[in-house]
Amino acid sequence: MIPAKVERILQAHGLTALEFEPGSTPTAELAAARLGVIQARIAKSLLFKNKAGAYFLVVCPGDKRISSSVLRQVIGSKVSMADADETERATGFRPGGVCPFGLEDIEILLDRDLGNYESVFPAAGNDATGVSTTLEGLARITGGRIVDFTAAV
């Protein structure tokens, strides 16, 4: 079931989440197979934290890795990936279902490479969902900042 706050945000922007059997889309690879798209079109969400305690959600193509050194350049401070429990506390979503919708006090960084595709599929709050949108749609809905992680290297 899609969390109510995510459902409200999606409805307000004319989007509908795709729902599947529980546990079917927890990784970019499985989500791509379930949705019938290439892995790069899965908009995976990764939570990082800096030493000051600020959180940053990076949304990037599902076939891409984001290095902490690149993030340090973009953010301006050292970061580390949040663990599963910390991710759930900060976002309200378990890993495998983390999405960029309805987050508070978390800066959202959207990888410019998501714009290489006609549509991308972030999760909708659990590990059995996906929602079709665009990089521009993600930026508009989330207030996220589009970042060129490739140029930051």
Protein backbone atom coordinates (compact mmCIF):
# COMPACT_ATOMS: atom_id res chain seq x y z
CA MET A 1 0.00 0.00 0.00
CA ILE A 2 1.27 3.44 -0.93
CA PRO A 3 1.77 5.76 2.06
CA ALA A 4 -1.04 8.35 2.27
CA LYS A 5 1.30 11.37 2.09
CA VAL A 6 2.91 10.01 -1.08
CA GLU A 7 -0.49 9.23 -2.62
CA ARG A 8 -1.68 12.79 -1.95
CA ILE A 9 1.42 14.29 -3.56
CA LEU A 10 1.15 12.04 -6.61
CA GLN A 11 -2.56 12.83 -7.05
CA ALA A 12 -1.91 16.56 -6.73
CA HIS A 13 0.52 16.28 -9.65
CA GLY A 14 -1.58 13.97 -11.80
CA LEU A 15 0.62 10.93 -11.26
CA THR A 16 -0.45 7.38 -10.51
CA ALA A 17 1.82 4.83 -8.88
CA LEU A 18 2.12 1.35 -10.30
CA GLU A 19 1.64 -1.27 -7.60
CA PHE A 20 2.97 -4.81 -7.68
CA GLU A 21 3.23 -7.83 -5.39
CA PRO A 22 4.97 -7.07 -2.06
CA GLY A 23 8.76 -7.11 -2.20
CA SER A 24 8.94 -7.19 -6.00
CA THR A 25 10.84 -3.91 -6.62
CA PRO A 26 13.37 -3.45 -3.75
CA THR A 27 16.41 -3.03 -6.01
CA ALA A 28 16.95 -1.15 -9.25
CA GLU A 29 17.61 -4.43 -11.04
CA LEU A 30 14.38 -6.07 -9.83
CA ALA A 31 12.34 -2.91 -10.38
CA ALA A 32 13.60 -2.65 -13.97
CA ALA A 33 12.70 -6.27 -14.65
CA ARG A 34 9.24 -5.84 -13.11
CA LEU A 35 8.56 -2.61 -15.04
CA GLY A 36 10.08 -3.89 -18.27
CA VAL A 37 12.58 -1.03 -18.64
CA ILE A 38 16.36 -0.73 -18.61
CA GLN A 39 17.91 -0.38 -15.15
CA ALA A 40 19.07 3.19 -15.85
CA ARG A 41 15.40 4.31 -15.98
CA ILE A 42 14.89 3.32 -12.34
CA ALA A 43 15.35 6.47 -10.23
CA LYS A 44 17.01 4.99 -7.17
CA SER A 45 17.06 7.03 -3.98
CA LEU A 46 20.09 6.90 -1.68
CA LEU A 47 20.27 8.71 1.66
CA PHE A 48 23.51 10.28 2.85
CA LYS A 49 24.38 12.25 5.98
CA ASN A 50 27.16 14.71 6.71
CA LYS A 51 29.02 15.16 10.01
CA ALA A 52 26.74 18.06 10.97
CA GLY A 53 23.77 15.67 10.81
CA ALA A 54 22.22 17.06 7.61
CA TYR A 55 20.63 14.54 5.26
CA PHE A 56 20.87 14.48 1.47
CA LEU A 57 18.78 12.23 -0.76
CA VAL A 58 20.48 11.47 -4.06
CA VAL A 59 18.17 10.30 -6.83
CA CYS A 60 20.12 8.79 -9.70
CA PRO A 61 19.80 6.26 -12.53
CA GLY A 62 19.54 2.72 -11.20
CA ASP A 63 22.69 1.57 -12.98
CA LYS A 64 24.84 4.35 -11.52
CA ARG A 65 26.98 4.48 -8.38
CA ILE A 66 27.55 7.75 -6.57
CA SER A 67 30.87 8.04 -4.80
CA SER A 68 31.17 9.84 -1.49
CA SER A 69 34.07 11.89 -2.89
CA VAL A 70 31.85 13.21 -5.69
CA LEU A 71 29.12 13.98 -3.15
CA ARG A 72 31.65 15.81 -1.00
CA GLN A 73 32.45 18.04 -3.97
CA VAL A 74 28.76 18.72 -4.66
CA ILE A 75 27.71 19.24 -1.03
CA GLY A 76 30.90 20.77 0.29
CA SER A 77 31.34 18.37 3.20
CA LYS A 78 32.16 14.73 3.85
CA VAL A 79 29.16 12.38 3.78
CA SER A 80 28.42 8.74 4.51
CA MET A 81 25.55 6.53 3.48
CA ALA A 82 22.79 6.17 6.05
CA ASP A 83 22.07 2.64 7.28
CA ALA A 84 18.64 1.02 6.96
CA ASP A 85 17.34 2.08 10.38
CA GLU A 86 18.56 5.65 9.99
CA THR A 87 17.05 5.80 6.50
CA GLU A 88 13.66 4.75 7.80
CA ARG A 89 13.81 7.23 10.71
CA ALA A 90 14.80 10.14 8.46
CA THR A 91 12.53 9.44 5.48
CA GLY A 92 9.73 7.28 6.84
CA PHE A 93 10.51 4.71 4.14
CA ARG A 94 12.42 1.42 4.33
CA PRO A 95 15.32 0.86 1.93
CA GLY A 96 13.91 -0.60 -1.27
CA GLY A 97 10.97 1.79 -1.13
CA VAL A 98 12.63 5.13 -0.40
CA CYS A 99 11.19 7.84 -2.58
CA PRO A 100 11.76 11.59 -2.94
CA PHE A 101 8.12 12.53 -2.33
CA GLY A 102 6.99 14.20 0.88
CA LEU A 103 10.36 14.44 2.60
CA GLU A 104 11.05 17.15 5.15
CA ASP A 105 14.41 18.59 6.20
CA ILE A 106 16.26 16.55 3.58
CA GLU A 107 17.96 18.19 0.61
CA ILE A 108 17.15 16.32 -2.59
CA LEU A 109 19.83 16.06 -5.27
CA LEU A 110 18.64 14.85 -8.67
CA ASP A 111 21.23 13.41 -11.02
CA ARG A 112 21.08 15.23 -14.35
CA ASP A 113 21.53 11.87 -16.13
CA LEU A 114 17.90 11.04 -15.27
CA GLY A 115 17.05 13.55 -18.00
CA ASN A 116 18.53 11.21 -20.61
CA TYR A 117 15.29 9.24 -20.57
CA GLU A 118 11.74 10.04 -21.64
CA SER A 119 10.55 8.80 -18.26
CA VAL A 120 12.06 7.44 -15.06
CA PHE A 121 10.58 5.43 -12.22
CA PRO A 122 11.20 6.30 -8.57
CA ALA A 123 9.59 4.19 -5.86
CA ALA A 124 6.37 5.42 -4.28
CA GLY A 125 7.14 4.67 -0.64
CA ASN A 126 7.48 0.90 -0.55
CA ASP A 127 9.26 -2.01 -2.23
CA ALA A 128 6.40 -2.87 -4.58
CA THR A 129 5.82 0.39 -6.45
CA GLY A 130 7.08 2.68 -9.16
CA VAL A 131 5.79 5.92 -10.61
CA SER A 132 6.49 7.21 -14.09
CA THR A 133 7.75 10.79 -14.21
CA THR A 134 10.56 12.87 -15.68
CA LEU A 135 13.61 14.63 -14.27
CA GLU A 136 11.77 17.93 -14.64
CA GLY A 137 8.73 16.45 -12.90
CA LEU A 138 10.87 15.24 -10.01
CA ALA A 139 12.46 18.67 -9.66
CA ARG A 140 9.07 20.41 -9.71
CA ILE A 141 7.39 18.03 -7.24
CA THR A 142 10.27 17.63 -4.78
CA GLY A 143 12.02 20.99 -5.05
CA GLY A 144 15.16 18.97 -5.68
CA ARG A 145 18.33 20.45 -7.13
CA ILE A 146 19.52 19.03 -10.45
CA VAL A 147 23.21 18.16 -10.19
CA ASP A 148 25.65 17.02 -12.84
CA PHE A 149 27.46 14.31 -10.88
CA THR A 150 29.54 13.41 -13.94
CA ALA A 151 30.98 16.92 -14.19
CA ALA A 152 31.68 16.95 -10.44
CA VAL A 153 34.18 14.10 -10.79
